[in-house]
Amino acid sequence: MSDKEIENTSENNKDSNNNIPYSNIGLLMDVSINVTVELGRAKLSIKDILGLGEGSIIELQKLAGEPIDLLVNGKLIAKGEVVVIDESFGVRITDIVDSVYTIANNKNNNNK
């Protein structure tokens, strides 16, 4: 198969919305990844940590009402707000982080 035929075959196997080859994407659909919802952070001394007990309150470095962070495998991908669904917590995504799109577009442009 010539380079031109390979290139044409590759182009025909791409999703028109994001130019990601979709012929192999099915292989990844069942792969589990870690999703973390980060409400906030706090920096405590060892003394303060050892003093924690039932009923202790830790003040977070995030204000009430500020968007929470949604991380996938430790990378920030979105911001959102906490919601309650029946008796469980959930996250309503309010903003996708631009770097997610930038990374995907850079990878696609480098493959051309």
N, C-alpha and C. Protein backbone atom coordinates (compact mmCIF):
# COMPACT_ATOMS: atom_id res chain seq x y z
N MET A 1 0.85 -1.18 0.00
CA MET A 1 0.00 0.00 0.00
C MET A 1 0.90 1.24 0.00
N SER A 2 0.61 2.20 -0.85
CA SER A 2 1.44 3.40 -0.94
C SER A 2 1.13 4.35 0.21
N ASP A 3 2.05 5.31 0.43
CA ASP A 3 1.84 6.31 1.48
C ASP A 3 0.54 7.08 1.26
N LYS A 4 0.22 7.39 0.02
CA LYS A 4 -1.00 8.15 -0.29
C LYS A 4 -2.24 7.32 0.05
N GLU A 5 -2.21 6.00 -0.26
CA GLU A 5 -3.34 5.14 0.06
C GLU A 5 -3.53 5.02 1.56
N ILE A 6 -2.42 4.92 2.31
CA ILE A 6 -2.49 4.85 3.77
C ILE A 6 -3.09 6.13 4.33
N GLU A 7 -2.64 7.27 3.79
CA GLU A 7 -3.15 8.57 4.26
C GLU A 7 -4.64 8.67 3.99
N ASN A 8 -5.09 8.27 2.79
CA ASN A 8 -6.52 8.35 2.46
C ASN A 8 -7.34 7.42 3.34
N THR A 9 -6.85 6.21 3.61
CA THR A 9 -7.54 5.27 4.48
C THR A 9 -7.66 5.85 5.88
N SER A 10 -6.58 6.46 6.36
CA SER A 10 -6.56 7.07 7.69
C SER A 10 -7.56 8.21 7.76
N GLU A 11 -7.61 9.05 6.73
CA GLU A 11 -8.54 10.18 6.71
C GLU A 11 -9.99 9.70 6.72
N ASN A 12 -10.28 8.60 6.03
CA ASN A 12 -11.65 8.09 5.97
C ASN A 12 -12.10 7.49 7.29
N ASN A 13 -11.17 7.13 8.16
CA ASN A 13 -11.50 6.52 9.45
C ASN A 13 -11.50 7.52 10.59
N LYS A 14 -11.69 8.79 10.32
CA LYS A 14 -11.69 9.80 11.36
C LYS A 14 -13.09 10.34 11.58
N ASP A 15 -13.40 10.61 12.83
CA ASP A 15 -14.65 11.24 13.21
C ASP A 15 -14.62 12.67 12.68
N SER A 16 -15.66 13.10 11.99
CA SER A 16 -15.67 14.42 11.37
C SER A 16 -15.70 15.55 12.39
N ASN A 17 -16.14 15.29 13.62
CA ASN A 17 -16.23 16.36 14.62
C ASN A 17 -14.89 16.71 15.24
N ASN A 18 -14.01 15.73 15.46
CA ASN A 18 -12.77 16.04 16.17
C ASN A 18 -11.54 15.41 15.54
N ASN A 19 -11.68 14.83 14.37
CA ASN A 19 -10.56 14.25 13.62
C ASN A 19 -9.77 13.20 14.40
N ILE A 20 -10.40 12.52 15.33
CA ILE A 20 -9.76 11.43 16.05
C ILE A 20 -10.12 10.14 15.31
N PRO A 21 -9.11 9.29 15.02
CA PRO A 21 -9.45 8.03 14.36
C PRO A 21 -10.43 7.23 15.21
N TYR A 22 -11.58 6.88 14.66
CA TYR A 22 -12.60 6.19 15.45
C TYR A 22 -12.58 4.68 15.25
N SER A 23 -11.81 4.19 14.31
CA SER A 23 -11.81 2.74 14.09
C SER A 23 -11.24 1.99 15.29
N ASN A 24 -10.36 2.61 16.07
CA ASN A 24 -9.75 1.95 17.22
C ASN A 24 -10.30 2.45 18.55
N ILE A 25 -11.17 3.42 18.54
CA ILE A 25 -11.65 4.01 19.79
C ILE A 25 -12.45 3.00 20.60
N GLY A 26 -13.07 2.04 19.95
CA GLY A 26 -13.84 1.02 20.65
C GLY A 26 -13.00 0.20 21.60
N LEU A 27 -11.71 0.08 21.31
CA LEU A 27 -10.81 -0.65 22.19
C LEU A 27 -10.68 0.02 23.56
N LEU A 28 -10.92 1.31 23.62
CA LEU A 28 -10.72 2.07 24.86
C LEU A 28 -12.00 2.27 25.66
N MET A 29 -13.13 1.94 25.10
CA MET A 29 -14.40 2.26 25.75
C MET A 29 -14.60 1.59 27.10
N ASP A 30 -14.00 0.44 27.34
CA ASP A 30 -14.18 -0.25 28.62
C ASP A 30 -13.04 -0.02 29.59
N VAL A 31 -12.10 0.87 29.24
CA VAL A 31 -10.98 1.17 30.12
C VAL A 31 -11.45 2.09 31.24
N SER A 32 -11.15 1.71 32.47
CA SER A 32 -11.54 2.53 33.62
C SER A 32 -10.46 3.58 33.89
N ILE A 33 -10.91 4.77 34.24
CA ILE A 33 -9.99 5.83 34.64
C ILE A 33 -10.51 6.44 35.94
N ASN A 34 -9.61 7.03 36.70
CA ASN A 34 -9.99 7.63 37.97
C ASN A 34 -10.56 9.03 37.74
N VAL A 35 -11.72 9.27 38.30
CA VAL A 35 -12.35 10.60 38.26
C VAL A 35 -12.43 11.08 39.70
N THR A 36 -11.91 12.28 39.93
CA THR A 36 -11.89 12.86 41.27
C THR A 36 -12.63 14.18 41.24
N VAL A 37 -13.47 14.40 42.21
CA VAL A 37 -14.14 15.68 42.38
C VAL A 37 -13.51 16.34 43.60
N GLU A 38 -12.90 17.48 43.37
CA GLU A 38 -12.18 18.16 44.45
C GLU A 38 -12.97 19.36 44.93
N LEU A 39 -13.44 19.26 46.15
CA LEU A 39 -14.22 20.31 46.77
C LEU A 39 -13.32 21.46 47.21
N GLY A 40 -12.13 21.14 47.68
CA GLY A 40 -11.19 22.15 48.14
C GLY A 40 -9.98 21.51 48.77
N ARG A 41 -9.05 22.34 49.19
CA ARG A 41 -7.82 21.85 49.82
C ARG A 41 -7.53 22.67 51.07
N ALA A 42 -6.74 22.08 51.91
CA ALA A 42 -6.30 22.78 53.13
C ALA A 42 -4.86 22.36 53.41
N LYS A 43 -4.10 23.25 53.97
CA LYS A 43 -2.73 22.95 54.37
C LYS A 43 -2.69 23.01 55.89
N LEU A 44 -2.35 21.86 56.50
CA LEU A 44 -2.34 21.77 57.95
C LEU A 44 -0.97 21.32 58.43
N SER A 45 -0.61 21.75 59.60
CA SER A 45 0.62 21.28 60.21
C SER A 45 0.37 19.88 60.79
N ILE A 46 1.44 19.16 61.04
CA ILE A 46 1.30 17.83 61.65
C ILE A 46 0.60 17.94 62.99
N LYS A 47 0.92 19.00 63.73
CA LYS A 47 0.28 19.22 65.03
C LYS A 47 -1.24 19.34 64.88
N ASP A 48 -1.68 20.11 63.86
CA ASP A 48 -3.12 20.28 63.63
C ASP A 48 -3.77 18.97 63.20
N ILE A 49 -3.08 18.20 62.37
CA ILE A 49 -3.62 16.91 61.91
C ILE A 49 -3.77 15.95 63.09
N LEU A 50 -2.77 15.92 63.96
CA LEU A 50 -2.84 15.03 65.12
C LEU A 50 -3.93 15.47 66.09
N GLY A 51 -4.31 16.73 66.03
CA GLY A 51 -5.36 17.24 66.91
C GLY A 51 -6.77 17.04 66.37
N LEU A 52 -6.89 16.49 65.15
CA LEU A 52 -8.22 16.29 64.56
C LEU A 52 -8.95 15.17 65.29
N GLY A 53 -10.22 15.35 65.40
CA GLY A 53 -11.06 14.33 66.03
C GLY A 53 -12.46 14.42 65.47
N GLU A 54 -13.31 13.57 65.94
CA GLU A 54 -14.70 13.58 65.51
C GLU A 54 -15.29 14.95 65.82
N GLY A 55 -15.91 15.57 64.81
CA GLY A 55 -16.50 16.89 64.99
C GLY A 55 -15.57 18.03 64.61
N SER A 56 -14.30 17.73 64.35
CA SER A 56 -13.36 18.78 63.92
C SER A 56 -13.79 19.33 62.57
N ILE A 57 -13.51 20.60 62.37
CA ILE A 57 -13.84 21.25 61.10
C ILE A 57 -12.54 21.74 60.47
N ILE A 58 -12.38 21.45 59.19
CA ILE A 58 -11.21 21.91 58.44
C ILE A 58 -11.68 22.95 57.44
N GLU A 59 -11.11 24.14 57.52
CA GLU A 59 -11.46 25.22 56.60
C GLU A 59 -10.70 25.02 55.30
N LEU A 60 -11.44 25.00 54.19
CA LEU A 60 -10.85 24.80 52.88
C LEU A 60 -10.46 26.13 52.25
N GLN A 61 -9.53 26.07 51.30
CA GLN A 61 -9.05 27.28 50.63
C GLN A 61 -9.95 27.67 49.46
N LYS A 62 -11.17 27.23 49.48
CA LYS A 62 -12.12 27.56 48.42
C LYS A 62 -13.36 28.16 49.06
N LEU A 63 -13.88 29.20 48.46
CA LEU A 63 -15.06 29.87 49.01
C LEU A 63 -16.33 29.10 48.68
N ALA A 64 -17.32 29.23 49.53
CA ALA A 64 -18.62 28.63 49.27
C ALA A 64 -19.18 29.21 47.98
N GLY A 65 -19.69 28.37 47.12
CA GLY A 65 -20.25 28.84 45.85
C GLY A 65 -19.25 28.82 44.70
N GLU A 66 -17.96 28.68 45.01
CA GLU A 66 -16.95 28.59 43.94
C GLU A 66 -17.12 27.25 43.24
N PRO A 67 -16.82 27.21 41.92
CA PRO A 67 -16.90 25.93 41.21
C PRO A 67 -15.92 24.91 41.79
N ILE A 68 -16.32 23.65 41.75
CA ILE A 68 -15.43 22.58 42.19
C ILE A 68 -14.68 22.05 40.97
N ASP A 69 -13.58 21.34 41.21
CA ASP A 69 -12.74 20.84 40.13
C ASP A 69 -13.05 19.38 39.85
N LEU A 70 -13.09 19.02 38.58
CA LEU A 70 -13.26 17.64 38.14
C LEU A 70 -11.96 17.22 37.48
N LEU A 71 -11.32 16.21 38.07
CA LEU A 71 -10.03 15.74 37.57
C LEU A 71 -10.16 14.32 37.04
N VAL A 72 -9.50 14.04 35.94
CA VAL A 72 -9.43 12.69 35.39
C VAL A 72 -7.96 12.29 35.42
N ASN A 73 -7.69 11.21 36.15
CA ASN A 73 -6.31 10.76 36.36
C ASN A 73 -5.41 11.91 36.82
N GLY A 74 -5.95 12.77 37.67
CA GLY A 74 -5.17 13.85 38.26
C GLY A 74 -5.09 15.11 37.42
N LYS A 75 -5.65 15.12 36.21
CA LYS A 75 -5.62 16.30 35.34
C LYS A 75 -6.97 17.01 35.39
N LEU A 76 -6.92 18.33 35.60
CA LEU A 76 -8.14 19.13 35.62
C LEU A 76 -8.75 19.15 34.22
N ILE A 77 -10.01 18.71 34.11
CA ILE A 77 -10.66 18.72 32.80
C ILE A 77 -11.92 19.58 32.78
N ALA A 78 -12.49 19.84 33.97
CA ALA A 78 -13.75 20.59 33.99
C ALA A 78 -13.98 21.21 35.36
N LYS A 79 -14.90 22.16 35.39
CA LYS A 79 -15.37 22.79 36.63
C LYS A 79 -16.86 22.50 36.72
N GLY A 80 -17.37 22.48 37.94
CA GLY A 80 -18.78 22.19 38.09
C GLY A 80 -19.32 22.62 39.42
N GLU A 81 -20.57 22.23 39.67
CA GLU A 81 -21.22 22.55 40.93
C GLU A 81 -21.81 21.28 41.52
N VAL A 82 -21.84 21.23 42.83
CA VAL A 82 -22.38 20.07 43.53
C VAL A 82 -23.90 20.08 43.43
N VAL A 83 -24.45 18.91 43.12
CA VAL A 83 -25.90 18.73 43.09
C VAL A 83 -26.25 17.51 43.93
N VAL A 84 -27.50 17.43 44.34
CA VAL A 84 -27.97 16.26 45.07
C VAL A 84 -28.97 15.53 44.19
N ILE A 85 -28.71 14.23 44.01
CA ILE A 85 -29.58 13.38 43.20
C ILE A 85 -30.10 12.30 44.13
N ASP A 86 -31.40 12.34 44.42
CA ASP A 86 -31.99 11.47 45.44
C ASP A 86 -31.22 11.71 46.74
N GLU A 87 -30.47 10.74 47.22
CA GLU A 87 -29.71 10.94 48.45
C GLU A 87 -28.21 10.92 48.20
N SER A 88 -27.81 11.05 46.94
CA SER A 88 -26.39 11.02 46.59
C SER A 88 -25.95 12.38 46.07
N PHE A 89 -24.66 12.64 46.20
CA PHE A 89 -24.08 13.85 45.62
C PHE A 89 -23.71 13.58 44.16
N GLY A 90 -23.72 14.62 43.37
CA GLY A 90 -23.29 14.55 41.98
C GLY A 90 -22.65 15.86 41.59
N VAL A 91 -22.21 15.95 40.36
CA VAL A 91 -21.58 17.17 39.85
C VAL A 91 -22.24 17.55 38.54
N ARG A 92 -22.67 18.80 38.45
CA ARG A 92 -23.16 19.35 37.18
C ARG A 92 -21.99 20.10 36.56
N ILE A 93 -21.53 19.66 35.40
CA ILE A 93 -20.39 20.31 34.74
C ILE A 93 -20.86 21.64 34.18
N THR A 94 -20.13 22.67 34.54
CA THR A 94 -20.48 24.02 34.09
C THR A 94 -19.47 24.58 33.09
N ASP A 95 -18.27 24.00 33.07
CA ASP A 95 -17.23 24.53 32.18
C ASP A 95 -16.19 23.45 31.90
N ILE A 96 -15.90 23.23 30.62
CA ILE A 96 -14.82 22.33 30.24
C ILE A 96 -13.56 23.17 30.13
N VAL A 97 -12.48 22.71 30.73
CA VAL A 97 -11.22 23.46 30.73
C VAL A 97 -10.67 23.52 29.31
N ASP A 98 -10.26 24.72 28.89
CA ASP A 98 -9.76 24.93 27.53
C ASP A 98 -8.60 24.01 27.18
N SER A 99 -7.75 23.68 28.14
CA SER A 99 -6.58 22.87 27.83
C SER A 99 -6.96 21.49 27.32
N VAL A 100 -8.14 20.99 27.67
CA VAL A 100 -8.60 19.70 27.17
C VAL A 100 -8.75 19.78 25.65
N TYR A 101 -9.37 20.86 25.17
CA TYR A 101 -9.54 21.05 23.73
C TYR A 101 -8.20 21.34 23.06
N THR A 102 -7.37 22.14 23.72
CA THR A 102 -6.07 22.49 23.16
C THR A 102 -5.21 21.25 22.97
N ILE A 103 -5.16 20.39 23.96
CA ILE A 103 -4.36 19.16 23.88
C ILE A 103 -4.88 18.29 22.74
N ALA A 104 -6.20 18.10 22.66
CA ALA A 104 -6.77 17.26 21.60
C ALA A 104 -6.48 17.84 20.22
N ASN A 105 -6.62 19.15 20.07
CA ASN A 105 -6.36 19.78 18.77
C ASN A 105 -4.89 19.72 18.40
N ASN A 106 -3.99 19.92 19.36
CA ASN A 106 -2.56 19.84 19.07
C ASN A 106 -2.17 18.45 18.62
N LYS A 107 -2.70 17.42 19.27
CA LYS A 107 -2.39 16.05 18.87
C LYS A 107 -2.90 15.79 17.47
N ASN A 108 -4.10 16.28 17.14
CA ASN A 108 -4.65 16.06 15.80
C ASN A 108 -3.84 16.80 14.75
N ASN A 109 -3.41 18.02 15.04
CA ASN A 109 -2.63 18.80 14.08
C ASN A 109 -1.26 18.20 13.87
N ASN A 110 -0.66 17.61 14.91
CA ASN A 110 0.66 17.00 14.79
C ASN A 110 0.61 15.71 13.98
N ASN A 111 -0.57 15.07 13.91
CA ASN A 111 -0.70 13.83 13.17
C ASN A 111 -0.97 14.05 11.69
N LYS A 112 -1.15 15.27 11.27
CA LYS A 112 -1.47 15.55 9.86
C LYS A 112 -0.21 15.65 9.04
